[in-house]
Amino acid sequence: MIRNAPNGFAWMSKRIVILGAAALLWCGGAGTLVQQAGPADRAIAATRQPVWTEVPWPFPMDQWGKGKAFRCQPADCGGDVTVYLRAKIGFCNCTTGVADDDELDRISDFDLMGNRLTALGPGQPITVAWMKGRARAFAIGEPRGSGKSALSLGFNNRCDAIVATAVAGPDRSNALETAVLEFLNSPTVLRWAEATLGL
């Protein structure tokens, strides 16, 4: 469930096919991150209905401009999580896309977090509608400490990248990653992506 989504949008057949494919991918476990969820995470995800509310973009203007920010409350997502979305036009590897951790790190919005991130492991491939990409978990501040965690997700349409940064508490779980991927595959995000990428 998503708040502040535009109403009355007339879908063309192409968009229906894209959203249908995204739903199928989600039901089948989009990306390796979803498949890693344990029994407890799946139970939490089954009982919660994430509600994403658009909030103001909190960062100063830079060369990539302002993006979109959405927040999910602990009661809905199992923890307080905010997703920051930006498009980086012409900034992706046109040949391979976001295929490895080096490319994900290159396009990620680490500067928004003060460049104080430490990778918690290798990244995993993801799919967002028709776009392929990668996601990787990070600790903000001290590695595995009491600070916040971040999930950096990058995916591309040809040479254009979309970067999502999900910031949560230290108790990041696979269920939270699942909720973020579901949100990125939602009509709210896909409409914004199509408009921003000029599709």
Protein backbone atom coordinates (compact mmCIF):
# COMPACT_ATOMS: atom_id res chain seq x y z
CA MET A 1 0.00 0.00 0.00
CA ILE A 2 1.41 3.39 -0.97
CA ARG A 3 0.23 6.81 0.03
CA ASN A 4 0.27 9.89 -2.19
CA ALA A 5 0.23 7.83 -5.39
CA PRO A 6 -1.24 9.74 -8.35
CA ASN A 7 -4.77 8.70 -9.31
CA GLY A 8 -6.41 8.31 -12.71
CA PHE A 9 -3.30 7.28 -14.61
CA ALA A 10 -4.22 5.59 -17.88
CA TRP A 11 -1.95 2.63 -18.48
CA MET A 12 -0.95 1.68 -21.99
CA SER A 13 -0.57 -2.00 -22.84
CA LYS A 14 3.23 -1.78 -22.56
CA ARG A 15 2.99 -0.59 -18.99
CA ILE A 16 0.50 -3.30 -18.08
CA VAL A 17 2.89 -5.93 -19.40
CA ILE A 18 5.79 -4.38 -17.47
CA LEU A 19 3.85 -4.25 -14.21
CA GLY A 20 2.58 -7.78 -14.74
CA ALA A 21 6.13 -8.98 -15.20
CA ALA A 22 7.21 -7.13 -12.07
CA ALA A 23 4.41 -8.77 -10.09
CA LEU A 24 5.42 -12.21 -11.34
CA LEU A 25 9.04 -11.55 -10.41
CA TRP A 26 7.98 -10.39 -6.98
CA CYS A 27 5.76 -13.40 -6.33
CA GLY A 28 8.57 -15.70 -7.40
CA GLY A 29 11.13 -13.89 -5.24
CA ALA A 30 12.69 -10.99 -7.16
CA GLY A 31 16.42 -11.10 -6.70
CA THR A 32 18.59 -13.25 -4.47
CA LEU A 33 17.95 -10.98 -1.49
CA VAL A 34 14.31 -12.06 -1.34
CA GLN A 35 15.19 -15.74 -1.57
CA GLN A 36 17.44 -15.47 1.50
CA ALA A 37 14.58 -14.54 3.85
CA GLY A 38 14.26 -16.97 6.76
CA PRO A 39 11.02 -18.28 8.35
CA ALA A 40 10.84 -15.41 10.86
CA ASP A 41 11.32 -12.80 8.11
CA ARG A 42 8.65 -14.41 5.93
CA ALA A 43 6.22 -14.46 8.85
CA ILE A 44 6.81 -10.74 9.49
CA ALA A 45 6.41 -9.89 5.79
CA ALA A 46 3.18 -11.90 5.60
CA THR A 47 1.55 -10.04 8.50
CA ARG A 48 2.66 -6.49 7.63
CA GLN A 49 1.39 -4.30 4.82
CA PRO A 50 4.10 -1.69 4.11
CA VAL A 51 2.75 1.86 3.76
CA TRP A 52 5.12 4.26 2.01
CA THR A 53 4.56 8.00 2.46
CA GLU A 54 6.40 10.61 0.39
CA VAL A 55 8.46 12.98 2.55
CA PRO A 56 10.52 16.07 1.62
CA TRP A 57 13.96 15.53 0.08
CA PRO A 58 16.28 16.38 3.01
CA PHE A 59 19.60 16.85 1.22
CA PRO A 60 21.10 19.99 -0.37
CA MET A 61 21.10 20.36 -4.15
CA ASP A 62 24.06 18.84 -5.97
CA GLN A 63 24.97 17.91 -9.57
CA TRP A 64 22.24 15.22 -9.66
CA GLY A 65 19.49 17.49 -8.39
CA LYS A 66 16.79 16.59 -5.91
CA GLY A 67 15.28 13.14 -5.82
CA LYS A 68 12.27 11.51 -4.19
CA ALA A 69 12.10 10.33 -0.58
CA PHE A 70 9.63 7.86 0.93
CA ARG A 71 9.28 6.65 4.51
CA CYS A 72 7.80 3.48 6.01
CA GLN A 73 6.97 3.45 9.72
CA PRO A 74 8.13 0.66 12.07
CA ALA A 75 4.59 -0.65 12.50
CA ASP A 76 4.39 -1.27 8.75
CA CYS A 77 7.96 -2.31 7.86
CA GLY A 78 9.27 -3.80 11.09
CA GLY A 79 11.62 -0.84 11.45
CA ASP A 80 11.87 2.81 10.47
CA VAL A 81 13.10 2.90 6.85
CA THR A 82 13.49 5.74 4.38
CA VAL A 83 14.15 5.23 0.67
CA TYR A 84 15.90 7.96 -1.32
CA LEU A 85 15.57 7.74 -5.13
CA ARG A 86 17.50 9.58 -7.82
CA ALA A 87 18.10 9.19 -11.53
CA LYS A 88 21.61 9.63 -12.90
CA ILE A 89 21.11 10.18 -16.62
CA GLY A 90 23.96 8.94 -18.80
CA PHE A 91 25.99 7.83 -15.78
CA CYS A 92 25.71 4.06 -16.12
CA ASN A 93 27.92 1.64 -18.03
CA CYS A 94 25.95 1.36 -21.29
CA THR A 95 27.40 -2.04 -22.15
CA THR A 96 27.09 -4.04 -18.94
CA GLY A 97 24.73 -1.98 -16.77
CA VAL A 98 24.95 -2.35 -12.99
CA ALA A 99 26.47 -5.83 -13.18
CA ASP A 100 29.02 -5.81 -10.34
CA ASP A 101 29.80 -4.20 -7.00
CA ASP A 102 32.34 -1.79 -8.50
CA GLU A 103 29.71 -0.27 -10.79
CA LEU A 104 27.15 -0.16 -7.97
CA ASP A 105 29.64 1.61 -5.70
CA ARG A 106 30.48 4.08 -8.49
CA ILE A 107 26.88 5.18 -9.02
CA SER A 108 25.68 4.93 -5.40
CA ASP A 109 24.71 7.98 -3.37
CA PHE A 110 27.32 7.42 -0.65
CA ASP A 111 27.93 11.17 -0.42
CA LEU A 112 24.40 11.63 0.95
CA MET A 113 25.49 9.50 3.92
CA GLY A 114 28.74 11.44 4.40
CA ASN A 115 30.76 8.66 2.72
CA ARG A 116 30.85 6.78 6.04
CA LEU A 117 29.68 3.40 4.78
CA THR A 118 31.25 -0.01 5.22
CA ALA A 119 30.13 -2.94 3.06
CA LEU A 120 28.67 -5.84 5.05
CA GLY A 121 29.27 -8.35 2.27
CA PRO A 122 29.10 -8.78 -1.49
CA GLY A 123 26.16 -7.42 -3.47
CA GLN A 124 23.34 -9.45 -5.01
CA PRO A 125 21.57 -9.13 -8.38
CA ILE A 126 18.09 -7.58 -8.40
CA THR A 127 15.34 -6.95 -10.93
CA VAL A 128 13.11 -3.88 -10.91
CA ALA A 129 10.44 -4.24 -13.61
CA TRP A 130 12.35 -4.34 -16.93
CA MET A 131 15.61 -3.13 -15.35
CA LYS A 132 18.45 -5.25 -13.97
CA GLY A 133 20.81 -4.14 -11.25
CA ARG A 134 22.46 -4.89 -7.96
CA ALA A 135 21.93 -4.33 -4.23
CA ARG A 136 24.44 -4.29 -1.40
CA ALA A 137 24.13 -3.80 2.37
CA PHE A 138 26.26 -1.31 4.29
CA ALA A 139 26.77 -0.12 7.83
CA ILE A 140 26.72 3.66 8.30
CA GLY A 141 29.50 4.69 10.62
CA GLU A 142 31.24 1.96 12.59
CA PRO A 143 31.06 -1.47 10.92
CA ARG A 144 28.41 -3.67 12.56
CA GLY A 145 28.09 -1.10 15.31
CA SER A 146 25.00 0.52 16.82
CA GLY A 147 24.55 3.02 13.98
CA LYS A 148 22.15 2.87 11.06
CA SER A 149 22.39 0.55 8.11
CA ALA A 150 21.88 1.24 4.43
CA LEU A 151 20.93 -0.79 1.41
CA SER A 152 22.28 0.64 -1.84
CA LEU A 153 20.39 -0.43 -4.96
CA GLY A 154 21.27 0.54 -8.51
CA PHE A 155 19.52 -0.49 -11.71
CA ASN A 156 19.57 0.85 -15.23
CA ASN A 157 17.73 1.49 -18.44
CA ARG A 158 20.47 1.50 -21.10
CA CYS A 159 22.93 4.25 -20.11
CA ASP A 160 20.68 5.79 -17.43
CA ALA A 161 20.91 4.66 -13.82
CA ILE A 162 18.41 4.85 -11.00
CA VAL A 163 19.93 4.78 -7.55
CA ALA A 164 17.94 3.92 -4.43
CA THR A 165 19.35 4.21 -0.93
CA ALA A 166 17.31 2.62 1.85
CA VAL A 167 18.33 3.78 5.33
CA ALA A 168 17.18 1.78 8.36
CA GLY A 169 18.18 0.98 11.92
CA PRO A 170 20.95 -1.43 12.85
CA ASP A 171 18.55 -4.39 12.94
CA ARG A 172 18.29 -4.65 9.14
CA SER A 173 16.52 -7.85 8.09
CA ASN A 174 15.77 -9.67 4.87
CA ALA A 175 12.10 -8.83 5.40
CA LEU A 176 13.01 -5.13 5.24
CA GLU A 177 14.99 -5.70 2.04
CA THR A 178 11.97 -7.53 0.63
CA ALA A 179 9.72 -4.55 1.45
CA VAL A 180 12.12 -2.15 -0.29
CA LEU A 181 12.28 -4.29 -3.44
CA GLU A 182 8.49 -4.55 -3.50
CA PHE A 183 8.25 -0.76 -3.25
CA LEU A 184 10.73 -0.25 -6.09
CA ASN A 185 8.51 -2.50 -8.24
CA SER A 186 5.38 -0.52 -7.34
CA PRO A 187 3.39 1.68 -9.75
CA THR A 188 4.45 4.80 -7.81
CA VAL A 189 8.15 4.21 -8.45
CA LEU A 190 7.73 2.83 -11.97
CA ARG A 191 5.64 5.83 -13.08
CA TRP A 192 8.30 8.16 -11.67
CA ALA A 193 11.06 6.14 -13.38
CA GLU A 194 9.30 6.24 -16.77
CA ALA A 195 8.69 9.98 -16.52
CA THR A 196 12.23 10.72 -15.31
CA LEU A 197 13.87 8.54 -17.96
CA GLY A 198 11.63 9.93 -20.71
CA LEU A 199 10.04 6.59 -21.60
